Amino acid sequence: MHRSLAAALALFIAGLMALPSQAADLRYGEPAPARTALVPACDDAAVLGQVEDQFEYGAPVVLNEKVEILEFSGMFEKAYLPQRLDDPLPSEPIERRYCQATALLSDHVSRTVYYVIEHPMGFAAAGEYLGAFSPVAAWRAEGCVLGLDEWHVYGANCESLRRFPEEGRTGYGYVSK
C-alpha cells in the first residue's frame, strides 16, 4: 500500500514537471493580467441599495417631504481609481469607482444621481479583516441626487462625487464647468 502511494505521487510530480512552465515576467506586447477590483460594479444591486437607503434616510429631513427612489436606469462608470499600496506610505490607499445613473423618484421626476463606491471602508475600514462571514461590508457606496442636495453636503451640484473628463480640469485639482 505504501509503495503504490509513493509510486502514484512520483508519477504525479513527474507529470507536473513535464508541463510547460510559465515565466514570471511579462513578455513585450503581452497584455497585463486582469486585476480584480475590490469594489463592485456600478450596476450592482447592493450598491444601488445603499445609495437608495442613504437618500431615503436623509430626504425627509433635508427636503421636508417623503421622496423615494423608485428605480435606477442607465448606470455607468465615470472614473475608476485603483488602490495603490506603495511603501512607505500608500499614494492611493482607498480604491474608488465613480458612477452616474438616472433615478426615477416618487414625485415622477427623473434626476441624475452621482455615487462613489470606496474600499476599504465600513466599520473602521476593517470589513475584510473581520472574516468572510462578517456583517460589516469592506466597501461603502454613497450618492447625491442632482438638485436635491440643498445643504451642499457634496458641494454645489454634487461636485465632490462627479468626475469630469481630464480636458475639463484645471490646475490644483479644481474643476471647470
N, C-alpha and C. Protein backbone atom coordinates (compact mmCIF):
# COMPACT_ATOMS: atom_id res chain seq x y z
N MET A 1 0.82 -1.18 0.00
CA MET A 1 0.00 0.00 0.00
C MET A 1 0.87 1.25 0.00
N HIS A 2 1.91 1.23 0.84
CA HIS A 2 2.79 2.39 0.95
C HIS A 2 3.55 2.62 -0.35
N ARG A 3 4.00 1.49 -1.00
CA ARG A 3 4.74 1.62 -2.24
C ARG A 3 3.86 2.15 -3.38
N SER A 4 2.60 1.72 -3.43
CA SER A 4 1.71 2.19 -4.51
C SER A 4 1.40 3.68 -4.34
N LEU A 5 1.27 4.14 -3.12
CA LEU A 5 1.04 5.56 -2.86
C LEU A 5 2.27 6.38 -3.26
N ALA A 6 3.45 5.89 -2.94
CA ALA A 6 4.69 6.58 -3.30
C ALA A 6 4.86 6.60 -4.82
N ALA A 7 4.49 5.53 -5.49
CA ALA A 7 4.61 5.48 -6.95
C ALA A 7 3.63 6.45 -7.60
N ALA A 8 2.41 6.53 -7.08
CA ALA A 8 1.41 7.46 -7.63
C ALA A 8 1.86 8.91 -7.44
N LEU A 9 2.44 9.19 -6.28
CA LEU A 9 2.94 10.54 -6.01
C LEU A 9 4.10 10.88 -6.93
N ALA A 10 4.98 9.93 -7.20
CA ALA A 10 6.11 10.15 -8.10
C ALA A 10 5.62 10.40 -9.53
N LEU A 11 4.61 9.66 -9.98
CA LEU A 11 4.05 9.88 -11.31
C LEU A 11 3.39 11.28 -11.41
N PHE A 12 2.71 11.68 -10.35
CA PHE A 12 2.06 12.99 -10.34
C PHE A 12 3.09 14.11 -10.44
N ILE A 13 4.17 14.01 -9.68
CA ILE A 13 5.22 15.04 -9.70
C ILE A 13 5.92 15.04 -11.06
N ALA A 14 6.15 13.89 -11.63
CA ALA A 14 6.79 13.82 -12.96
C ALA A 14 5.88 14.44 -14.01
N GLY A 15 4.58 14.23 -13.89
CA GLY A 15 3.64 14.83 -14.82
C GLY A 15 3.62 16.35 -14.71
N LEU A 16 3.72 16.87 -13.50
CA LEU A 16 3.76 18.32 -13.32
C LEU A 16 5.03 18.91 -13.91
N MET A 17 6.14 18.22 -13.78
CA MET A 17 7.39 18.74 -14.29
C MET A 17 7.43 18.72 -15.81
N ALA A 18 6.63 17.86 -16.43
CA ALA A 18 6.61 17.78 -17.89
C ALA A 18 5.80 18.90 -18.52
N LEU A 19 4.94 19.56 -17.73
CA LEU A 19 4.13 20.66 -18.27
C LEU A 19 5.02 21.86 -18.58
N PRO A 20 4.66 22.66 -19.58
CA PRO A 20 5.47 23.85 -19.88
C PRO A 20 5.34 24.86 -18.74
N SER A 21 6.46 25.46 -18.42
CA SER A 21 6.44 26.42 -17.31
C SER A 21 6.07 27.80 -17.83
N GLN A 22 5.48 28.59 -16.96
CA GLN A 22 5.10 29.96 -17.28
C GLN A 22 6.14 30.90 -16.68
N ALA A 23 6.60 31.86 -17.47
CA ALA A 23 7.58 32.82 -16.98
C ALA A 23 6.89 33.80 -16.04
N ALA A 24 7.61 34.26 -15.06
CA ALA A 24 7.05 35.20 -14.10
C ALA A 24 6.95 36.60 -14.68
N ASP A 25 7.83 36.94 -15.62
CA ASP A 25 7.80 38.27 -16.22
C ASP A 25 6.90 38.27 -17.44
N LEU A 26 6.32 39.44 -17.71
CA LEU A 26 5.52 39.59 -18.92
C LEU A 26 6.44 39.85 -20.10
N ARG A 27 6.14 39.24 -21.21
CA ARG A 27 6.90 39.50 -22.42
C ARG A 27 6.37 40.75 -23.08
N TYR A 28 7.20 41.40 -23.87
CA TYR A 28 6.81 42.63 -24.54
C TYR A 28 5.63 42.37 -25.46
N GLY A 29 4.60 43.20 -25.35
CA GLY A 29 3.44 43.08 -26.19
C GLY A 29 2.33 42.23 -25.60
N GLU A 30 2.59 41.50 -24.53
CA GLU A 30 1.55 40.70 -23.91
C GLU A 30 0.70 41.60 -23.00
N PRO A 31 -0.59 41.37 -22.95
CA PRO A 31 -1.43 42.18 -22.07
C PRO A 31 -1.16 41.83 -20.61
N ALA A 32 -1.30 42.82 -19.78
CA ALA A 32 -1.14 42.60 -18.34
C ALA A 32 -2.31 41.76 -17.82
N PRO A 33 -2.09 40.96 -16.82
CA PRO A 33 -3.19 40.16 -16.28
C PRO A 33 -4.27 41.08 -15.69
N ALA A 34 -5.52 40.67 -15.84
CA ALA A 34 -6.62 41.47 -15.33
C ALA A 34 -6.58 41.50 -13.81
N ARG A 35 -6.71 42.67 -13.25
CA ARG A 35 -6.72 42.83 -11.80
C ARG A 35 -8.17 42.85 -11.34
N THR A 36 -8.45 42.07 -10.35
CA THR A 36 -9.81 42.06 -9.84
C THR A 36 -10.01 43.28 -8.96
N ALA A 37 -11.08 43.99 -9.19
CA ALA A 37 -11.38 45.19 -8.42
C ALA A 37 -11.89 44.81 -7.04
N LEU A 38 -11.59 45.65 -6.08
CA LEU A 38 -12.04 45.44 -4.72
C LEU A 38 -13.42 46.04 -4.49
N VAL A 39 -13.89 46.85 -5.43
CA VAL A 39 -15.21 47.46 -5.31
C VAL A 39 -16.13 46.84 -6.36
N PRO A 40 -17.42 46.72 -6.06
CA PRO A 40 -18.35 46.17 -7.04
C PRO A 40 -18.60 47.12 -8.20
N ALA A 41 -19.28 46.63 -9.20
CA ALA A 41 -19.60 47.43 -10.39
C ALA A 41 -20.70 48.44 -10.08
N CYS A 42 -20.85 49.42 -10.97
CA CYS A 42 -21.84 50.48 -10.78
C CYS A 42 -23.27 49.97 -10.77
N ASP A 43 -23.54 48.89 -11.50
CA ASP A 43 -24.90 48.39 -11.58
C ASP A 43 -25.19 47.25 -10.59
N ASP A 44 -24.31 47.05 -9.62
CA ASP A 44 -24.51 46.03 -8.61
C ASP A 44 -25.72 46.38 -7.74
N ALA A 45 -26.57 45.40 -7.46
CA ALA A 45 -27.80 45.65 -6.70
C ALA A 45 -27.51 46.12 -5.27
N ALA A 46 -26.46 45.61 -4.65
CA ALA A 46 -26.13 46.03 -3.28
C ALA A 46 -25.68 47.49 -3.26
N VAL A 47 -24.96 47.91 -4.27
CA VAL A 47 -24.51 49.31 -4.37
C VAL A 47 -25.71 50.23 -4.51
N LEU A 48 -26.59 49.91 -5.46
CA LEU A 48 -27.77 50.74 -5.68
C LEU A 48 -28.67 50.75 -4.45
N GLY A 49 -28.71 49.64 -3.72
CA GLY A 49 -29.49 49.59 -2.48
C GLY A 49 -28.94 50.53 -1.42
N GLN A 50 -27.60 50.60 -1.31
CA GLN A 50 -27.02 51.52 -0.34
C GLN A 50 -27.28 52.97 -0.71
N VAL A 51 -27.19 53.30 -1.99
CA VAL A 51 -27.45 54.67 -2.44
C VAL A 51 -28.91 55.02 -2.18
N GLU A 52 -29.81 54.11 -2.46
CA GLU A 52 -31.23 54.33 -2.23
C GLU A 52 -31.54 54.50 -0.75
N ASP A 53 -30.97 53.64 0.09
CA ASP A 53 -31.20 53.74 1.53
C ASP A 53 -30.69 55.05 2.09
N GLN A 54 -29.53 55.49 1.64
CA GLN A 54 -28.97 56.75 2.11
C GLN A 54 -29.88 57.92 1.74
N PHE A 55 -30.37 57.92 0.50
CA PHE A 55 -31.24 59.01 0.05
C PHE A 55 -32.56 59.00 0.82
N GLU A 56 -33.17 57.84 0.98
CA GLU A 56 -34.46 57.76 1.64
C GLU A 56 -34.37 58.00 3.14
N TYR A 57 -33.19 57.86 3.72
CA TYR A 57 -32.99 58.21 5.12
C TYR A 57 -32.86 59.72 5.29
N GLY A 58 -32.16 60.38 4.37
CA GLY A 58 -31.90 61.81 4.52
C GLY A 58 -32.93 62.72 3.89
N ALA A 59 -33.68 62.25 2.90
CA ALA A 59 -34.62 63.11 2.18
C ALA A 59 -35.72 63.70 3.06
N PRO A 60 -36.35 62.96 3.96
CA PRO A 60 -37.40 63.57 4.77
C PRO A 60 -36.88 64.70 5.66
N VAL A 61 -35.64 64.61 6.10
CA VAL A 61 -35.07 65.64 6.98
C VAL A 61 -34.68 66.88 6.17
N VAL A 62 -34.01 66.66 5.05
CA VAL A 62 -33.49 67.77 4.26
C VAL A 62 -34.59 68.44 3.45
N LEU A 63 -35.44 67.64 2.80
CA LEU A 63 -36.44 68.18 1.88
C LEU A 63 -37.80 68.42 2.54
N ASN A 64 -37.98 67.95 3.75
CA ASN A 64 -39.26 68.05 4.47
C ASN A 64 -40.41 67.41 3.70
N GLU A 65 -40.13 66.37 2.97
CA GLU A 65 -41.17 65.62 2.27
C GLU A 65 -40.68 64.20 2.05
N LYS A 66 -41.63 63.31 1.86
CA LYS A 66 -41.30 61.90 1.66
C LYS A 66 -41.09 61.65 0.17
N VAL A 67 -39.84 61.54 -0.25
CA VAL A 67 -39.48 61.24 -1.63
C VAL A 67 -38.66 59.97 -1.63
N GLU A 68 -39.00 59.05 -2.52
CA GLU A 68 -38.30 57.78 -2.62
C GLU A 68 -37.78 57.58 -4.03
N ILE A 69 -36.75 56.77 -4.14
CA ILE A 69 -36.24 56.37 -5.44
C ILE A 69 -37.01 55.11 -5.85
N LEU A 70 -37.68 55.19 -6.99
CA LEU A 70 -38.46 54.05 -7.47
C LEU A 70 -37.61 53.09 -8.29
N GLU A 71 -36.73 53.63 -9.16
CA GLU A 71 -35.88 52.77 -9.97
C GLU A 71 -34.66 53.53 -10.47
N PHE A 72 -33.62 52.76 -10.77
CA PHE A 72 -32.40 53.29 -11.38
C PHE A 72 -32.34 52.82 -12.82
N SER A 73 -31.75 53.64 -13.68
CA SER A 73 -31.52 53.23 -15.06
C SER A 73 -30.26 53.93 -15.58
N GLY A 74 -29.69 53.37 -16.62
CA GLY A 74 -28.54 53.98 -17.28
C GLY A 74 -27.30 54.12 -16.40
N MET A 75 -27.01 53.11 -15.58
CA MET A 75 -25.83 53.17 -14.71
C MET A 75 -24.56 53.00 -15.54
N PHE A 76 -23.57 53.85 -15.31
CA PHE A 76 -22.29 53.69 -15.98
C PHE A 76 -21.18 54.27 -15.12
N GLU A 77 -19.97 53.80 -15.40
CA GLU A 77 -18.78 54.22 -14.65
C GLU A 77 -18.20 55.49 -15.27
N LYS A 78 -17.91 56.46 -14.41
CA LYS A 78 -17.30 57.71 -14.88
C LYS A 78 -15.79 57.69 -14.66
N ALA A 79 -15.35 57.07 -13.58
CA ALA A 79 -13.91 57.01 -13.29
C ALA A 79 -13.65 55.84 -12.35
N TYR A 80 -12.46 55.27 -12.48
CA TYR A 80 -12.01 54.21 -11.59
C TYR A 80 -10.60 54.53 -11.14
N LEU A 81 -10.41 54.60 -9.83
CA LEU A 81 -9.10 54.89 -9.26
C LEU A 81 -8.67 53.67 -8.45
N PRO A 82 -7.73 52.86 -8.96
CA PRO A 82 -7.33 51.65 -8.24
C PRO A 82 -6.54 51.97 -6.97
N GLN A 83 -6.55 51.01 -6.09
CA GLN A 83 -5.79 51.14 -4.85
C GLN A 83 -4.31 50.95 -5.15
N ARG A 84 -3.46 51.83 -4.62
CA ARG A 84 -2.01 51.73 -4.77
C ARG A 84 -1.39 51.71 -3.39
N LEU A 85 -0.76 50.62 -3.07
CA LEU A 85 -0.14 50.48 -1.76
C LEU A 85 1.37 50.56 -1.91
N ASP A 86 1.89 51.77 -2.06
CA ASP A 86 3.32 52.00 -2.17
C ASP A 86 3.95 52.00 -0.79
N ASP A 87 5.26 51.80 -0.76
CA ASP A 87 5.98 51.89 0.51
C ASP A 87 6.74 53.19 0.54
N PRO A 88 6.94 53.85 1.64
CA PRO A 88 6.42 53.50 2.96
C PRO A 88 5.00 54.00 3.20
N LEU A 89 4.54 55.01 2.43
CA LEU A 89 3.17 55.50 2.58
C LEU A 89 2.39 55.26 1.29
N PRO A 90 1.18 54.73 1.39
CA PRO A 90 0.40 54.47 0.18
C PRO A 90 -0.01 55.77 -0.51
N SER A 91 0.13 55.82 -1.83
CA SER A 91 -0.28 57.01 -2.56
C SER A 91 -1.79 57.04 -2.76
N GLU A 92 -2.43 55.89 -2.91
CA GLU A 92 -3.88 55.79 -3.03
C GLU A 92 -4.35 54.62 -2.17
N PRO A 93 -4.53 54.82 -0.85
CA PRO A 93 -4.91 53.69 -0.01
C PRO A 93 -6.36 53.25 -0.18
N ILE A 94 -7.20 54.08 -0.80
CA ILE A 94 -8.62 53.75 -0.95
C ILE A 94 -8.93 53.61 -2.44
N GLU A 95 -9.50 52.48 -2.82
CA GLU A 95 -9.93 52.26 -4.19
C GLU A 95 -11.31 52.88 -4.36
N ARG A 96 -11.50 53.61 -5.47
CA ARG A 96 -12.77 54.31 -5.70
C ARG A 96 -13.27 54.07 -7.12
N ARG A 97 -14.58 53.91 -7.23
CA ARG A 97 -15.26 53.83 -8.52
C ARG A 97 -16.37 54.87 -8.51
N TYR A 98 -16.28 55.84 -9.43
CA TYR A 98 -17.27 56.91 -9.53
C TYR A 98 -18.28 56.54 -10.61
N CYS A 99 -19.57 56.69 -10.30
CA CYS A 99 -20.63 56.25 -11.19
C CYS A 99 -21.69 57.32 -11.36
N GLN A 100 -22.49 57.15 -12.39
CA GLN A 100 -23.61 58.03 -12.66
C GLN A 100 -24.79 57.18 -13.11
N ALA A 101 -26.00 57.60 -12.72
CA ALA A 101 -27.21 56.90 -13.11
C ALA A 101 -28.36 57.90 -13.18
N THR A 102 -29.49 57.44 -13.66
CA THR A 102 -30.72 58.23 -13.65
C THR A 102 -31.68 57.53 -12.71
N ALA A 103 -32.28 58.31 -11.81
CA ALA A 103 -33.22 57.75 -10.84
C ALA A 103 -34.60 58.33 -11.08
N LEU A 104 -35.60 57.46 -11.09
CA LEU A 104 -36.98 57.90 -11.15
C LEU A 104 -37.47 58.00 -9.71
N LEU A 105 -37.88 59.20 -9.32
CA LEU A 105 -38.32 59.44 -7.95
C LEU A 105 -39.83 59.29 -7.83
N SER A 106 -40.30 59.20 -6.60
CA SER A 106 -41.73 59.01 -6.37
C SER A 106 -42.55 60.24 -6.75
N ASP A 107 -41.91 61.39 -6.97
CA ASP A 107 -42.64 62.57 -7.45
C ASP A 107 -42.70 62.58 -8.98
N HIS A 108 -42.34 61.46 -9.62
CA HIS A 108 -42.39 61.23 -11.07
C HIS A 108 -41.45 62.14 -11.84
N VAL A 109 -40.32 62.49 -11.23
CA VAL A 109 -39.28 63.28 -11.89
C VAL A 109 -38.03 62.41 -11.96
N SER A 110 -37.42 62.35 -13.14
CA SER A 110 -36.15 61.64 -13.29
C SER A 110 -35.01 62.61 -13.02
N ARG A 111 -34.08 62.19 -12.19
CA ARG A 111 -32.94 63.04 -11.83
C ARG A 111 -31.66 62.24 -11.94
N THR A 112 -30.57 62.96 -12.16
CA THR A 112 -29.25 62.34 -12.24
C THR A 112 -28.73 62.07 -10.84
N VAL A 113 -28.13 60.90 -10.67
CA VAL A 113 -27.54 60.50 -9.39
C VAL A 113 -26.06 60.25 -9.62
N TYR A 114 -25.21 60.85 -8.80
CA TYR A 114 -23.79 60.59 -8.81
C TYR A 114 -23.47 59.81 -7.54
N TYR A 115 -22.67 58.76 -7.66
CA TYR A 115 -22.33 57.99 -6.47
C TYR A 115 -20.92 57.43 -6.60
N VAL A 116 -20.34 57.15 -5.43
CA VAL A 116 -18.99 56.62 -5.36
C VAL A 116 -19.02 55.34 -4.53
N ILE A 117 -18.20 54.39 -4.95
CA ILE A 117 -18.03 53.13 -4.21
C ILE A 117 -16.58 53.11 -3.77
N GLU A 118 -16.36 52.93 -2.46
CA GLU A 118 -15.00 53.01 -1.91
C GLU A 118 -14.65 51.75 -1.12
N HIS A 119 -13.39 51.37 -1.19
CA HIS A 119 -12.85 50.23 -0.42
C HIS A 119 -11.44 50.58 0.03
N PRO A 120 -10.98 50.34 1.21
CA PRO A 120 -11.66 49.73 2.34
C PRO A 120 -12.44 50.77 3.13
N MET A 121 -13.64 50.48 3.40
CA MET A 121 -14.49 51.36 4.22
C MET A 121 -15.22 50.46 5.20
N GLY A 122 -16.42 50.80 5.55
CA GLY A 122 -17.14 50.01 6.53
C GLY A 122 -16.71 50.42 7.93
N PHE A 123 -16.89 49.53 8.89
CA PHE A 123 -16.57 49.83 10.28
C PHE A 123 -15.07 49.91 10.46
N ALA A 124 -14.56 51.09 10.71
CA ALA A 124 -13.13 51.35 10.94
C ALA A 124 -12.28 50.80 9.79
N ALA A 125 -12.86 50.75 8.60
CA ALA A 125 -12.19 50.26 7.40
C ALA A 125 -11.65 48.86 7.58
N ALA A 126 -12.31 48.06 8.44
CA ALA A 126 -11.83 46.73 8.76
C ALA A 126 -12.77 45.64 8.32
N GLY A 127 -13.66 45.91 7.38
CA GLY A 127 -14.65 44.93 6.98
C GLY A 127 -14.04 43.63 6.49
N GLU A 128 -13.05 43.70 5.61
CA GLU A 128 -12.48 42.47 5.07
C GLU A 128 -11.60 41.74 6.08
N TYR A 129 -11.17 42.41 7.10
CA TYR A 129 -10.30 41.79 8.08
C TYR A 129 -11.08 41.10 9.19
N LEU A 130 -12.40 41.26 9.21
CA LEU A 130 -13.22 40.64 10.24
C LEU A 130 -13.68 39.25 9.84
N GLY A 131 -13.34 38.80 8.66
CA GLY A 131 -13.69 37.46 8.23
C GLY A 131 -14.74 37.46 7.14
N ALA A 132 -14.87 36.33 6.47
CA ALA A 132 -15.79 36.22 5.33
C ALA A 132 -17.24 36.30 5.76
N PHE A 133 -17.55 35.91 6.99
CA PHE A 133 -18.95 35.89 7.44
C PHE A 133 -19.28 37.11 8.28
N SER A 134 -18.46 38.14 8.19
CA SER A 134 -18.69 39.36 8.95
C SER A 134 -19.88 40.12 8.38
N PRO A 135 -20.74 40.69 9.24
CA PRO A 135 -21.85 41.51 8.72
C PRO A 135 -21.39 42.87 8.24
N VAL A 136 -20.13 43.21 8.47
CA VAL A 136 -19.59 44.51 8.07
C VAL A 136 -19.03 44.39 6.66
N ALA A 137 -19.50 45.25 5.76
CA ALA A 137 -19.00 45.23 4.38
C ALA A 137 -17.64 45.91 4.32
N ALA A 138 -16.82 45.48 3.38
CA ALA A 138 -15.50 46.08 3.23
C ALA A 138 -15.55 47.31 2.33
N TRP A 139 -16.69 47.57 1.70
CA TRP A 139 -16.83 48.73 0.82
C TRP A 139 -18.07 49.51 1.24
N ARG A 140 -18.15 50.73 0.73
CA ARG A 140 -19.27 51.59 1.05
C ARG A 140 -19.63 52.39 -0.19
N ALA A 141 -20.92 52.62 -0.39
CA ALA A 141 -21.40 53.45 -1.50
C ALA A 141 -22.22 54.60 -0.93
N GLU A 142 -21.99 55.79 -1.48
CA GLU A 142 -22.84 56.93 -1.12
C GLU A 142 -23.05 57.79 -2.34
N GLY A 143 -24.22 58.42 -2.39
CA GLY A 143 -24.58 59.14 -3.58
C GLY A 143 -25.23 60.48 -3.31
N CYS A 144 -25.44 61.21 -4.41
CA CYS A 144 -26.02 62.54 -4.37
C CYS A 144 -26.98 62.66 -5.55
N VAL A 145 -28.22 63.05 -5.26
CA VAL A 145 -29.21 63.26 -6.31
C VAL A 145 -29.12 64.72 -6.72
N LEU A 146 -28.85 64.95 -7.98
CA LEU A 146 -28.64 66.29 -8.51
C LEU A 146 -29.90 67.14 -8.31
N GLY A 147 -29.73 68.31 -7.69
CA GLY A 147 -30.82 69.23 -7.44
C GLY A 147 -31.51 69.03 -6.11
N LEU A 148 -31.20 67.97 -5.37
CA LEU A 148 -31.85 67.71 -4.09
C LEU A 148 -30.87 67.73 -2.92
N ASP A 149 -29.67 68.23 -3.12
CA ASP A 149 -28.69 68.36 -2.05
C ASP A 149 -28.67 69.83 -1.61
N GLU A 150 -29.75 70.24 -0.92
CA GLU A 150 -29.91 71.64 -0.56
C GLU A 150 -28.85 72.13 0.41
N TRP A 151 -28.31 71.26 1.22
CA TRP A 151 -27.29 71.66 2.20
C TRP A 151 -25.89 71.61 1.60
N HIS A 152 -25.76 71.23 0.34
CA HIS A 152 -24.48 71.15 -0.38
C HIS A 152 -23.47 70.27 0.36
N VAL A 153 -23.96 69.14 0.84
CA VAL A 153 -23.08 68.18 1.52
C VAL A 153 -21.99 67.71 0.57
N TYR A 154 -22.33 67.54 -0.70
CA TYR A 154 -21.37 67.09 -1.70
C TYR A 154 -20.95 68.23 -2.63
N GLY A 155 -21.05 69.46 -2.16
CA GLY A 155 -20.68 70.62 -2.95
C GLY A 155 -21.82 71.04 -3.85
N ALA A 156 -21.63 72.15 -4.53
CA ALA A 156 -22.66 72.62 -5.47
C ALA A 156 -22.79 71.63 -6.61
N ASN A 157 -24.00 71.22 -6.90
CA ASN A 157 -24.29 70.29 -7.99
C ASN A 157 -23.56 68.96 -7.83
N CYS A 158 -23.41 68.49 -6.60
CA CYS A 158 -22.80 67.17 -6.30
C CYS A 158 -21.37 67.06 -6.82
N GLU A 159 -20.62 68.14 -6.83
CA GLU A 159 -19.30 68.15 -7.46
C GLU A 159 -18.29 67.20 -6.85
N SER A 160 -18.38 66.91 -5.56
CA SER A 160 -17.38 66.03 -4.97
C SER A 160 -17.55 64.58 -5.41
N LEU A 161 -18.73 64.22 -5.93
CA LEU A 161 -18.95 62.87 -6.42
C LEU A 161 -18.93 62.77 -7.94
N ARG A 162 -18.83 63.90 -8.62
CA ARG A 162 -18.77 63.91 -10.08
C ARG A 162 -17.32 63.80 -10.53
N ARG A 163 -17.11 63.18 -11.65
CA ARG A 163 -15.79 63.12 -12.23
C ARG A 163 -15.90 63.67 -13.64
N PHE A 164 -15.18 64.76 -13.90
CA PHE A 164 -15.22 65.41 -15.19
C PHE A 164 -14.09 64.85 -16.05
N PRO A 165 -14.20 64.93 -17.36
CA PRO A 165 -13.10 64.48 -18.21
C PRO A 165 -11.83 65.28 -17.94
N GLU A 166 -10.71 64.70 -18.24
CA GLU A 166 -9.42 65.34 -17.97
C GLU A 166 -9.30 66.71 -18.64
N GLU A 167 -9.89 66.88 -19.84
CA GLU A 167 -9.76 68.18 -20.50
C GLU A 167 -10.54 69.26 -19.77
N GLY A 168 -11.47 68.89 -18.90
CA GLY A 168 -12.23 69.88 -18.14
C GLY A 168 -11.53 70.31 -16.86
N ARG A 169 -10.40 69.71 -16.56
CA ARG A 169 -9.70 70.02 -15.32
C ARG A 169 -8.73 71.18 -15.53
N THR A 170 -8.56 71.95 -14.48
CA THR A 170 -7.55 72.99 -14.45
C THR A 170 -6.62 72.70 -13.29
N GLY A 171 -5.64 73.52 -13.05
CA GLY A 171 -4.62 73.25 -12.05
C GLY A 171 -5.12 73.10 -10.63
N TYR A 172 -4.30 72.49 -9.80
CA TYR A 172 -4.51 72.32 -8.38
C TYR A 172 -5.78 71.57 -8.03
N GLY A 173 -6.23 70.71 -8.91
CA GLY A 173 -7.38 69.84 -8.60
C GLY A 173 -8.72 70.52 -8.74
N TYR A 174 -8.76 71.78 -9.20
CA TYR A 174 -10.06 72.44 -9.37
C TYR A 174 -10.69 71.99 -10.67
N VAL A 175 -11.99 72.01 -10.70
CA VAL A 175 -12.73 71.54 -11.85
C VAL A 175 -13.45 72.70 -12.50
N SER A 176 -13.30 72.82 -13.80
CA SER A 176 -14.03 73.86 -14.53
C SER A 176 -15.32 73.27 -15.08
N LYS A 177 -16.30 74.11 -15.30
CA LYS A 177 -17.60 73.61 -15.78
C LYS A 177 -17.73 73.82 -17.25
